[in-house]
Amino acid sequence: MHKIIINLLALSLVVFTSMGIPVAAQDQAAMSMAELLRQVEKGRVSDNRENQAREQRFDQARSEQQSLLNEAKGERTAQENRSQRLEDEFEANDLQIDELTNVLNERLGSLKELFGVMQQVSGDSQARFQNSLTNIQYPERGQFLEDLAKKIGGSAKLPSLEEIERLWFELQREMTESGRVTRFAAQVNTQDGTQEEMDVVRVGLFNIVTDGKYLKYEPSTGTVSELPRQPEQDRFTDSTSEIFNATGGLVRFGLDPTLGGVLNSLIARPNLQERVQQGGLVGYLIIALGIIGLLIALERMVVLGIASSKVSRQLSSETPSQDNALGRVLSVHDQNKTADTETLELKLSEAIFKETPALNRALLFLKIISVVAPLMGLLGTVTGMIKTFQAITLYGTGDPKLMAGGISQALVTTVLGLSVAIPMVLLHTLVSGRSRRIVQVLQEQSAGIIATHAEKYSARPPQG
């Protein structure tokens, strides 16, 4: 080792000399060679000492690991023995449970079937009672029935006599309450989102109402709330007030035997305003035409009625008056008494033609409305059916309500069109009949005047 170090030092000295290091530096390096050897020797001794300490720690750790390994093997053996002991104990307990179960089944005999029926009755009663209106008054029975069903089916412990009697009592109470009309206080969720305690009346298992309102029971939450919408017919809501304020005797009440089906159907039925809204723009146009036609018909009926009364008074008067059509026609005769028959006939016909437009005014418009209204209803139906088929294309035919609702809305315009057209036809017939009667009177009087005038001229001796 010393030779190697000396050779390395000599080699480094040669390198330094070849690199052009000054002679003074070379002397200084040569003088520190001994010191360098001493430091190298000291480093080797330190490394040997550290290596020996590391070897000692390694030997100590290896002995500790062997000790831990021995302890782990001992623990494993103990756990294996414990596992085997527990397995044997489990098998013994399992055999004992089977023997005790057989003994229990033998001792139960027919009672086992009875308890099975009790478990089934408890489960069915719990589901039925939860959906019943009586659960508002007796909510605690649900937990009892659930615990009883779990007790019978989940363990070998038999139900007590008190539990059996209470099951019978709950069934009997449900049957009794189904035929009673009871008034009690309950928490009701109002339409504004608040909860208020109010008196309610339960009619058997069918309906629960308050003064003037039907209520709804939610089995999932066990809450009572007001219906978002009451039936439109007043006779149903009035019956709730009658039964709420009744103290005895027979009371007229709108009972729902389907437990909510009929009531929901009445609530879902749209009123007149909603049906008109279903018609859309075409429906509103049809209604506007109907209103205009009705106003015109009323105006014509009033005007023709006044004209007919004036003509009737003129028939009983000898003096022609200018305030009625007949008087104006008769005044033409007075102005042309000396005219020949043909001229007078033409003058009277001209006077009748002048009066006819005023009598027949707006009758054609009524006839047009009676024809156009059903055509507009058909237009609305066609457009509604197009929308319905578009919805079927998008969502399919899986929901019959979607198709029925769309078709119902489409047919609203047809109903509106017919509702306008039928009265317009009747009004047009009535108004035009009055107008024709007045014109017929004018024509009759004109024909009489011409006949009288012709007789006078035919009886008069020829001139010259």
Protein backbone atom coordinates (compact mmCIF):
# COMPACT_ATOMS: atom_id res chain seq x y z
CA MET A 1 0.00 0.00 0.00
CA HIS A 2 2.85 2.38 0.87
CA LYS A 3 4.49 1.63 -2.44
CA ILE A 4 1.33 2.40 -4.32
CA ILE A 5 0.95 5.74 -2.55
CA ILE A 6 4.62 6.63 -3.19
CA ASN A 7 4.26 5.76 -6.84
CA LEU A 8 1.12 7.90 -7.10
CA LEU A 9 2.89 10.81 -5.47
CA ALA A 10 5.84 10.43 -7.78
CA LEU A 11 3.57 10.28 -10.79
CA SER A 12 1.76 13.44 -9.68
CA LEU A 13 5.13 15.15 -9.18
CA VAL A 14 6.21 14.26 -12.69
CA VAL A 15 2.89 15.56 -14.03
CA PHE A 16 3.24 18.82 -12.16
CA THR A 17 6.79 19.20 -13.46
CA SER A 18 5.72 18.53 -17.05
CA MET A 19 2.91 21.10 -16.74
CA GLY A 20 5.44 23.82 -15.99
CA ILE A 21 4.96 24.23 -12.23
CA PRO A 22 7.71 26.38 -10.73
CA VAL A 23 10.60 24.75 -8.82
CA ALA A 24 9.53 26.31 -5.53
CA ALA A 25 6.12 24.69 -5.78
CA GLN A 26 7.77 21.35 -6.53
CA ASP A 27 9.89 21.60 -3.41
CA GLN A 28 6.88 22.47 -1.27
CA ALA A 29 4.99 19.41 -2.62
CA ALA A 30 7.98 17.19 -1.92
CA MET A 31 8.20 18.52 1.64
CA SER A 32 4.52 17.64 2.37
CA MET A 33 4.79 14.07 1.16
CA ALA A 34 5.47 12.81 4.66
CA GLU A 35 2.49 14.69 5.98
CA LEU A 36 0.34 13.21 3.19
CA LEU A 37 1.47 9.70 4.10
CA ARG A 38 0.54 10.29 7.69
CA GLN A 39 -2.94 11.53 6.75
CA VAL A 40 -3.50 8.56 4.47
CA GLU A 41 -2.46 6.21 7.26
CA LYS A 42 -4.79 7.96 9.68
CA GLY A 43 -7.71 7.69 7.20
CA ARG A 44 -7.13 3.97 6.75
CA VAL A 45 -7.23 3.43 10.49
CA SER A 46 -10.48 5.41 10.77
CA ASP A 47 -12.07 3.43 7.94
CA ASN A 48 -11.11 0.15 9.57
CA ARG A 49 -12.61 1.27 12.86
CA GLU A 50 -15.88 2.33 11.17
CA ASN A 51 -16.07 -0.94 9.24
CA GLN A 52 -15.67 -2.91 12.42
CA ALA A 53 -18.46 -0.91 14.12
CA ARG A 54 -20.73 -1.45 11.13
CA GLU A 55 -20.04 -5.19 11.24
CA GLN A 56 -20.87 -5.28 14.95
CA ARG A 57 -24.20 -3.48 14.36
CA PHE A 58 -25.05 -5.87 11.54
CA ASP A 59 -24.40 -8.90 13.73
CA GLN A 60 -26.51 -7.43 16.50
CA ALA A 61 -29.40 -6.66 14.11
CA ARG A 62 -29.23 -10.16 12.68
CA SER A 63 -29.54 -11.66 16.12
CA GLU A 64 -32.54 -9.37 16.87
CA GLN A 65 -34.21 -10.39 13.59
CA GLN A 66 -33.78 -14.00 14.43
CA SER A 67 -35.39 -13.39 17.79
CA LEU A 68 -38.36 -11.60 16.12
CA LEU A 69 -38.69 -14.43 13.63
CA ASN A 70 -38.84 -16.95 16.43
CA GLU A 71 -41.51 -14.89 18.20
CA ALA A 72 -43.56 -14.62 14.98
CA LYS A 73 -43.41 -18.35 14.43
CA GLY A 74 -44.56 -18.91 17.98
CA GLU A 75 -47.48 -16.46 17.51
CA ARG A 76 -48.48 -18.16 14.27
CA THR A 77 -48.54 -21.53 15.94
CA ALA A 78 -50.69 -20.14 18.76
CA GLN A 79 -53.15 -18.56 16.32
CA GLU A 80 -53.38 -21.76 14.30
CA ASN A 81 -54.19 -23.65 17.46
CA ARG A 82 -56.81 -21.03 18.42
CA SER A 83 -58.34 -21.19 14.93
CA GLN A 84 -58.64 -24.93 15.11
CA ARG A 85 -60.21 -24.64 18.53
CA LEU A 86 -62.75 -22.07 17.34
CA GLU A 87 -63.63 -24.18 14.31
CA ASP A 88 -64.30 -27.14 16.51
CA GLU A 89 -66.38 -24.99 18.81
CA PHE A 90 -68.36 -23.56 15.85
CA GLU A 91 -69.13 -27.00 14.51
CA ALA A 92 -70.26 -28.11 17.94
CA ASN A 93 -72.47 -25.02 18.34
CA ASP A 94 -73.91 -25.52 14.86
CA LEU A 95 -74.85 -29.09 15.70
CA GLN A 96 -76.37 -27.91 18.96
CA ILE A 97 -78.39 -25.19 17.15
CA ASP A 98 -79.74 -27.78 14.72
CA GLU A 99 -80.75 -30.04 17.58
CA LEU A 100 -82.43 -27.17 19.47
CA THR A 101 -84.19 -26.02 16.29
CA ASN A 102 -85.59 -29.49 15.75
CA VAL A 103 -86.72 -29.60 19.35
CA LEU A 104 -88.35 -26.15 18.96
CA ASN A 105 -90.14 -27.20 15.78
CA GLU A 106 -91.41 -30.35 17.44
CA ARG A 107 -92.70 -28.42 20.44
CA LEU A 108 -94.24 -25.66 18.32
CA GLY A 109 -96.17 -28.04 16.13
CA SER A 110 -99.15 -26.19 14.59
CA LEU A 111 -98.12 -22.97 16.35
CA LYS A 112 -95.31 -22.53 13.84
CA GLU A 113 -97.83 -22.13 11.04
CA LEU A 114 -99.79 -19.74 13.23
CA PHE A 115 -96.75 -17.54 13.83
CA GLY A 116 -95.99 -17.59 10.10
CA VAL A 117 -99.48 -16.30 9.43
CA MET A 118 -98.96 -13.67 12.13
CA GLN A 119 -95.77 -12.53 10.44
CA GLN A 120 -97.53 -12.26 7.08
CA VAL A 121 -100.48 -10.43 8.61
CA SER A 122 -98.16 -8.02 10.39
CA GLY A 123 -96.30 -7.17 7.18
CA ASP A 124 -99.47 -6.80 5.11
CA SER A 125 -101.16 -4.73 7.80
CA GLN A 126 -98.19 -2.41 8.06
CA ALA A 127 -98.30 -1.66 4.32
CA ARG A 128 -102.09 -1.27 4.36
CA PHE A 129 -102.15 0.92 7.46
CA GLN A 130 -99.41 3.15 6.10
CA ASN A 131 -101.58 4.05 3.09
CA SER A 132 -104.75 4.38 5.18
CA LEU A 133 -106.21 7.70 6.31
CA THR A 134 -106.43 6.30 9.84
CA ASN A 135 -102.64 6.44 10.00
CA ILE A 136 -102.99 10.20 10.53
CA GLN A 137 -104.55 9.54 13.93
CA TYR A 138 -102.57 6.42 14.87
CA PRO A 139 -99.07 6.73 13.41
CA GLU A 140 -97.42 4.68 16.20
CA ARG A 141 -98.91 1.36 15.10
CA GLY A 142 -96.65 1.15 12.05
CA GLN A 143 -93.51 0.78 14.15
CA PHE A 144 -95.17 -1.84 16.32
CA LEU A 145 -96.18 -3.96 13.32
CA GLU A 146 -92.72 -3.66 11.79
CA ASP A 147 -91.02 -4.75 15.03
CA LEU A 148 -93.47 -7.63 15.43
CA ALA A 149 -92.84 -8.93 11.91
CA LYS A 150 -89.07 -8.74 12.43
CA LYS A 151 -89.33 -10.46 15.79
CA ILE A 152 -91.30 -13.40 14.42
CA GLY A 153 -89.24 -13.85 11.28
CA GLY A 154 -85.77 -12.91 12.45
CA SER A 155 -85.36 -14.85 15.70
CA ALA A 156 -86.56 -17.88 17.61
CA LYS A 157 -88.18 -15.69 20.23
CA LEU A 158 -91.93 -16.08 20.30
CA PRO A 159 -94.32 -13.10 20.41
CA SER A 160 -95.89 -12.40 23.74
CA LEU A 161 -99.59 -12.61 24.50
CA GLU A 162 -99.80 -8.83 24.76
CA GLU A 163 -98.32 -8.44 21.26
CA ILE A 164 -100.79 -10.94 19.81
CA GLU A 165 -103.68 -9.14 21.47
CA ARG A 166 -102.47 -5.77 20.21
CA LEU A 167 -102.25 -7.11 16.64
CA TRP A 168 -105.88 -8.21 16.91
CA PHE A 169 -106.80 -4.85 18.41
CA GLU A 170 -105.17 -2.88 15.57
CA LEU A 171 -106.99 -4.96 12.95
CA GLN A 172 -110.29 -4.51 14.74
CA ARG A 173 -109.73 -0.77 15.16
CA GLU A 174 -108.98 -0.37 11.45
CA MET A 175 -112.25 -2.10 10.54
CA THR A 176 -114.17 0.05 13.01
CA GLU A 177 -112.60 3.33 11.85
CA SER A 178 -113.32 2.51 8.21
CA GLY A 179 -117.02 3.07 8.88
CA ARG A 180 -116.78 6.19 11.02
CA VAL A 181 -116.84 9.92 10.29
CA THR A 182 -114.37 11.45 12.74
CA ARG A 183 -113.32 15.00 13.45
CA PHE A 184 -109.87 15.69 14.94
CA ALA A 185 -106.99 18.18 14.83
CA ALA A 186 -104.09 17.62 12.46
CA GLN A 187 -101.10 19.46 11.04
CA VAL A 188 -101.91 20.53 7.48
CA ASN A 189 -99.48 21.88 4.88
CA THR A 190 -101.15 24.88 3.28
CA GLN A 191 -100.67 26.07 -0.28
CA ASP A 192 -98.36 28.90 0.80
CA GLY A 193 -95.87 26.38 2.19
CA THR A 194 -96.63 26.80 5.89
CA GLN A 195 -97.84 24.16 8.31
CA GLU A 196 -100.96 24.93 10.29
CA GLU A 197 -102.94 22.95 12.82
CA MET A 198 -106.61 22.82 11.89
CA ASP A 199 -109.68 20.68 12.46
CA VAL A 200 -110.25 18.06 9.77
CA VAL A 201 -112.95 15.47 9.15
CA ARG A 202 -112.10 11.95 8.03
CA VAL A 203 -114.87 10.15 6.16
CA GLY A 204 -114.04 6.49 6.70
CA LEU A 205 -111.07 5.49 4.56
CA PHE A 206 -112.23 7.53 1.58
CA ASN A 207 -111.72 11.27 2.08
CA ILE A 208 -110.30 13.79 4.49
CA VAL A 209 -111.67 17.33 4.30
CA THR A 210 -111.78 20.64 6.08
CA ASP A 211 -114.24 23.51 5.80
CA GLY A 212 -114.74 23.99 2.05
CA LYS A 213 -111.66 22.04 0.94
CA TYR A 214 -110.57 18.53 0.14
CA LEU A 215 -107.25 17.46 1.66
CA LYS A 216 -104.63 14.95 0.51
CA TYR A 217 -102.68 12.44 2.59
CA GLU A 218 -99.12 11.53 1.56
CA PRO A 219 -98.28 8.01 2.87
CA SER A 220 -94.56 8.36 2.12
CA THR A 221 -94.16 11.36 4.43
CA GLY A 222 -97.22 10.90 6.63
CA THR A 223 -98.33 14.50 6.07
CA VAL A 224 -101.69 16.08 5.21
CA SER A 225 -101.75 18.93 2.70
CA GLU A 226 -104.25 21.05 0.83
CA LEU A 227 -104.96 20.14 -2.74
CA PRO A 228 -103.33 22.60 -5.15
CA ARG A 229 -106.68 22.80 -6.89
CA GLN A 230 -110.20 22.04 -5.77
CA PRO A 231 -112.97 20.57 -7.98
CA GLU A 232 -114.66 23.16 -10.17
CA GLN A 233 -118.18 22.04 -9.27
CA ASP A 234 -119.44 23.95 -6.26
CA ARG A 235 -121.59 21.05 -5.15
CA PHE A 236 -118.49 19.08 -4.19
CA THR A 237 -116.79 21.83 -2.19
CA ASP A 238 -120.11 22.82 -0.60
CA SER A 239 -120.58 19.24 0.59
CA THR A 240 -117.28 19.45 2.48
CA SER A 241 -118.62 22.43 4.44
CA GLU A 242 -121.85 20.59 5.16
CA ILE A 243 -120.13 17.53 6.59
CA PHE A 244 -117.57 19.66 8.45
CA ASN A 245 -120.25 21.67 10.23
CA ALA A 246 -122.69 18.78 10.73
CA THR A 247 -123.40 17.54 14.24
CA GLY A 248 -125.40 14.46 13.32
CA GLY A 249 -127.94 12.95 10.98
CA LEU A 250 -127.64 12.45 7.25
CA VAL A 251 -125.41 14.83 5.30
CA ARG A 252 -125.01 15.18 1.55
CA PHE A 253 -121.32 14.63 0.72
CA GLY A 254 -119.29 14.06 -2.44
CA LEU A 255 -117.67 10.74 -1.48
CA ASP A 256 -114.80 9.29 -3.53
CA PRO A 257 -115.07 5.47 -3.31
CA THR A 258 -111.90 5.02 -5.37
CA LEU A 259 -109.73 6.54 -2.60
CA GLY A 260 -108.64 9.50 -4.70
CA GLY A 261 -109.15 8.39 -8.29
CA VAL A 262 -112.38 10.25 -8.97
CA LEU A 263 -111.18 13.32 -7.07
CA ASN A 264 -107.96 13.47 -9.10
CA SER A 265 -110.00 13.13 -12.27
CA LEU A 266 -112.23 16.05 -11.26
CA ILE A 267 -109.20 18.17 -10.40
CA ALA A 268 -107.43 17.37 -13.67
CA ARG A 269 -110.50 18.26 -15.71
CA PRO A 270 -109.86 21.69 -17.31
CA ASN A 271 -112.37 24.47 -16.82
CA LEU A 272 -113.84 26.65 -19.56
CA GLN A 273 -111.02 29.17 -19.47
CA GLU A 274 -108.35 26.48 -19.70
CA ARG A 275 -110.14 24.81 -22.60
CA VAL A 276 -110.27 28.12 -24.46
CA GLN A 277 -106.56 28.59 -23.81
CA GLN A 278 -105.89 25.16 -25.31
CA GLY A 279 -107.33 26.41 -28.61
CA GLY A 280 -104.49 28.90 -29.00
CA LEU A 281 -104.58 31.75 -31.50
CA VAL A 282 -107.14 30.05 -33.76
CA GLY A 283 -109.47 29.57 -30.81
CA TYR A 284 -109.27 33.22 -29.85
CA LEU A 285 -110.00 34.28 -33.45
CA ILE A 286 -113.06 32.02 -33.54
CA ILE A 287 -114.33 33.50 -30.28
CA ALA A 288 -113.73 37.02 -31.62
CA LEU A 289 -115.75 36.20 -34.73
CA GLY A 290 -118.52 34.78 -32.56
CA ILE A 291 -118.65 37.93 -30.42
CA ILE A 292 -118.74 40.16 -33.49
CA GLY A 293 -121.48 38.04 -35.06
CA LEU A 294 -123.48 38.07 -31.84
CA LEU A 295 -123.27 41.85 -31.60
CA ILE A 296 -124.33 42.24 -35.21
CA ALA A 297 -127.22 39.83 -34.74
CA LEU A 298 -128.41 41.66 -31.62
CA GLU A 299 -128.17 45.01 -33.39
CA ARG A 300 -130.12 43.66 -36.38
CA MET A 301 -132.77 42.12 -34.17
CA VAL A 302 -133.28 45.39 -32.31
CA VAL A 303 -133.33 47.51 -35.49
CA LEU A 304 -135.63 45.13 -37.37
CA GLY A 305 -137.87 44.78 -34.34
CA ILE A 306 -138.28 48.57 -34.18
CA ALA A 307 -138.83 48.72 -37.95
CA SER A 308 -141.42 45.94 -37.78
CA SER A 309 -143.35 47.72 -35.01
CA LYS A 310 -143.33 50.98 -36.98
CA VAL A 311 -144.56 49.18 -40.09
CA SER A 312 -147.35 47.60 -38.04
CA ARG A 313 -148.40 51.02 -36.76
CA GLN A 314 -148.29 52.37 -40.32
CA LEU A 315 -150.65 49.63 -41.45
CA SER A 316 -153.29 50.95 -39.07
CA SER A 317 -152.71 54.59 -40.05
CA GLU A 318 -154.05 56.39 -43.13
CA THR A 319 -151.33 59.04 -43.14
CA PRO A 320 -147.91 57.97 -44.47
CA SER A 321 -144.99 58.65 -42.12
CA GLN A 322 -141.37 59.07 -43.09
CA ASP A 323 -140.05 57.26 -39.98
CA ASN A 324 -140.72 53.78 -41.38
CA ALA A 325 -140.17 51.91 -44.64
CA LEU A 326 -143.84 51.39 -45.42
CA GLY A 327 -144.64 55.05 -44.88
CA ARG A 328 -141.90 56.06 -47.28
CA VAL A 329 -143.24 53.63 -49.89
CA LEU A 330 -146.78 54.92 -49.45
CA SER A 331 -145.58 58.50 -49.80
CA VAL A 332 -144.31 57.58 -53.26
CA HIS A 333 -147.89 56.63 -54.21
CA ASP A 334 -149.19 59.92 -52.90
CA GLN A 335 -146.64 61.75 -55.00
CA ASN A 336 -147.58 59.81 -58.16
CA LYS A 337 -151.35 59.42 -57.98
CA THR A 338 -151.86 60.78 -61.49
CA ALA A 339 -149.23 58.55 -63.07
CA ASP A 340 -150.18 55.55 -65.14
CA THR A 341 -150.09 52.05 -63.67
CA GLU A 342 -146.75 51.02 -65.14
CA THR A 343 -145.04 54.20 -64.00
CA LEU A 344 -146.47 53.85 -60.51
CA GLU A 345 -145.38 50.23 -60.37
CA LEU A 346 -141.83 51.18 -61.30
CA LYS A 347 -141.79 54.01 -58.75
CA LEU A 348 -143.00 51.71 -55.98
CA SER A 349 -140.51 49.00 -56.95
CA GLU A 350 -137.74 51.60 -56.84
CA ALA A 351 -138.85 52.70 -53.36
CA ILE A 352 -138.88 49.08 -52.11
CA PHE A 353 -135.39 48.50 -53.55
CA LYS A 354 -134.16 51.57 -51.67
CA GLU A 355 -135.53 50.20 -48.39
CA THR A 356 -134.25 46.64 -48.87
CA PRO A 357 -130.46 47.29 -48.32
CA ALA A 358 -131.12 48.87 -44.92
CA LEU A 359 -133.26 45.89 -43.92
CA ASN A 360 -130.73 43.28 -45.17
CA ARG A 361 -127.63 45.08 -43.91
CA ALA A 362 -124.91 42.77 -42.32
CA LEU A 363 -126.99 39.63 -42.92
CA LEU A 364 -124.40 38.37 -45.38
CA PHE A 365 -121.65 38.85 -42.77
CA LEU A 366 -123.58 36.65 -40.32
CA LYS A 367 -123.83 33.97 -42.98
CA ILE A 368 -120.09 34.22 -43.69
CA ILE A 369 -119.30 33.81 -39.98
CA SER A 370 -121.48 30.72 -39.77
CA VAL A 371 -119.48 29.20 -42.65
CA VAL A 372 -115.98 30.39 -41.72
CA ALA A 373 -116.12 29.47 -38.01
CA PRO A 374 -116.18 25.66 -38.49
CA LEU A 375 -113.52 25.95 -41.20
CA MET A 376 -111.25 27.82 -38.77
CA GLY A 377 -111.98 25.14 -36.18
CA LEU A 378 -110.91 22.50 -38.69
CA LEU A 379 -107.73 24.49 -39.35
CA GLY A 380 -106.92 24.54 -35.64
CA THR A 381 -107.57 20.80 -35.41
CA VAL A 382 -105.23 20.05 -38.31
CA THR A 383 -102.43 22.18 -36.85
CA GLY A 384 -102.96 20.57 -33.45
CA MET A 385 -102.76 17.09 -34.94
CA ILE A 386 -99.55 18.03 -36.71
CA LYS A 387 -98.04 19.04 -33.36
CA THR A 388 -99.30 15.79 -31.82
CA PHE A 389 -97.66 13.67 -34.51
CA GLN A 390 -94.45 15.63 -34.09
CA ALA A 391 -94.50 14.83 -30.37
CA ILE A 392 -95.12 11.15 -31.18
CA THR A 393 -92.14 11.23 -33.54
CA LEU A 394 -89.92 12.62 -30.78
CA TYR A 395 -91.17 10.64 -27.76
CA GLY A 396 -92.89 7.62 -29.30
CA THR A 397 -96.26 6.15 -28.41
CA GLY A 398 -95.28 4.77 -25.01
CA ASP A 399 -97.35 7.34 -23.12
CA PRO A 400 -101.05 7.28 -24.14
CA LYS A 401 -101.64 10.48 -22.13
CA LEU A 402 -99.32 12.36 -24.47
CA MET A 403 -101.40 11.38 -27.50
CA ALA A 404 -104.75 11.86 -25.77
CA GLY A 405 -103.79 15.27 -24.43
CA GLY A 406 -102.59 16.49 -27.83
CA ILE A 407 -105.66 15.23 -29.65
CA SER A 408 -107.93 16.76 -27.00
CA GLN A 409 -106.27 20.14 -27.44
CA ALA A 410 -106.54 19.83 -31.22
CA LEU A 411 -110.26 19.15 -31.07
CA VAL A 412 -110.91 22.22 -28.89
CA THR A 413 -110.84 24.48 -31.94
CA THR A 414 -113.39 22.27 -33.68
CA VAL A 415 -115.69 22.56 -30.69
CA LEU A 416 -115.22 26.33 -30.64
CA GLY A 417 -115.94 26.57 -34.36
CA LEU A 418 -119.13 24.57 -34.08
CA SER A 419 -120.14 26.48 -30.94
CA VAL A 420 -119.93 29.70 -32.94
CA ALA A 421 -121.33 28.41 -36.23
CA ILE A 422 -124.52 26.82 -34.84
CA PRO A 423 -125.79 29.97 -33.04
CA MET A 424 -124.79 32.10 -36.04
CA VAL A 425 -126.90 29.95 -38.36
CA LEU A 426 -129.87 30.26 -36.02
CA LEU A 427 -129.41 34.01 -35.57
CA HIS A 428 -128.99 34.52 -39.32
CA THR A 429 -132.21 32.61 -39.95
CA LEU A 430 -134.07 34.60 -37.33
CA VAL A 431 -132.80 38.01 -38.48
CA SER A 432 -133.23 37.29 -42.16
CA GLY A 433 -136.77 36.06 -41.47
CA ARG A 434 -137.65 39.38 -39.84
CA SER A 435 -136.14 41.25 -42.74
CA ARG A 436 -138.06 39.17 -45.29
CA ARG A 437 -141.31 39.74 -43.41
CA ILE A 438 -140.91 43.51 -43.60
CA VAL A 439 -139.98 43.34 -47.28
CA GLN A 440 -142.97 41.07 -47.85
CA VAL A 441 -145.26 43.63 -46.21
CA LEU A 442 -143.83 46.34 -48.46
CA GLN A 443 -144.34 44.20 -51.53
CA GLU A 444 -147.89 43.28 -50.48
CA GLN A 445 -148.85 46.92 -49.89
CA SER A 446 -147.18 47.95 -53.15
CA ALA A 447 -149.08 45.25 -55.06
CA GLY A 448 -152.35 46.37 -53.44
CA ILE A 449 -151.73 50.01 -54.33
CA ILE A 450 -150.96 49.08 -57.94
CA ALA A 451 -154.09 46.93 -58.17
CA THR A 452 -156.27 49.71 -56.77
CA HIS A 453 -154.68 52.25 -59.07
CA ALA A 454 -155.20 49.98 -62.08
CA GLU A 455 -158.86 49.47 -61.17
CA LYS A 456 -159.42 53.19 -60.98
CA TYR A 457 -157.86 53.79 -64.37
CA SER A 458 -159.68 50.85 -65.97
CA ALA A 459 -163.11 52.07 -64.62
CA ARG A 460 -162.52 55.66 -65.78
CA PRO A 461 -164.22 56.40 -69.19
CA PRO A 462 -161.90 56.97 -72.11
CA GLN A 463 -161.01 60.57 -72.87
CA GLY A 464 -162.50 62.47 -75.97
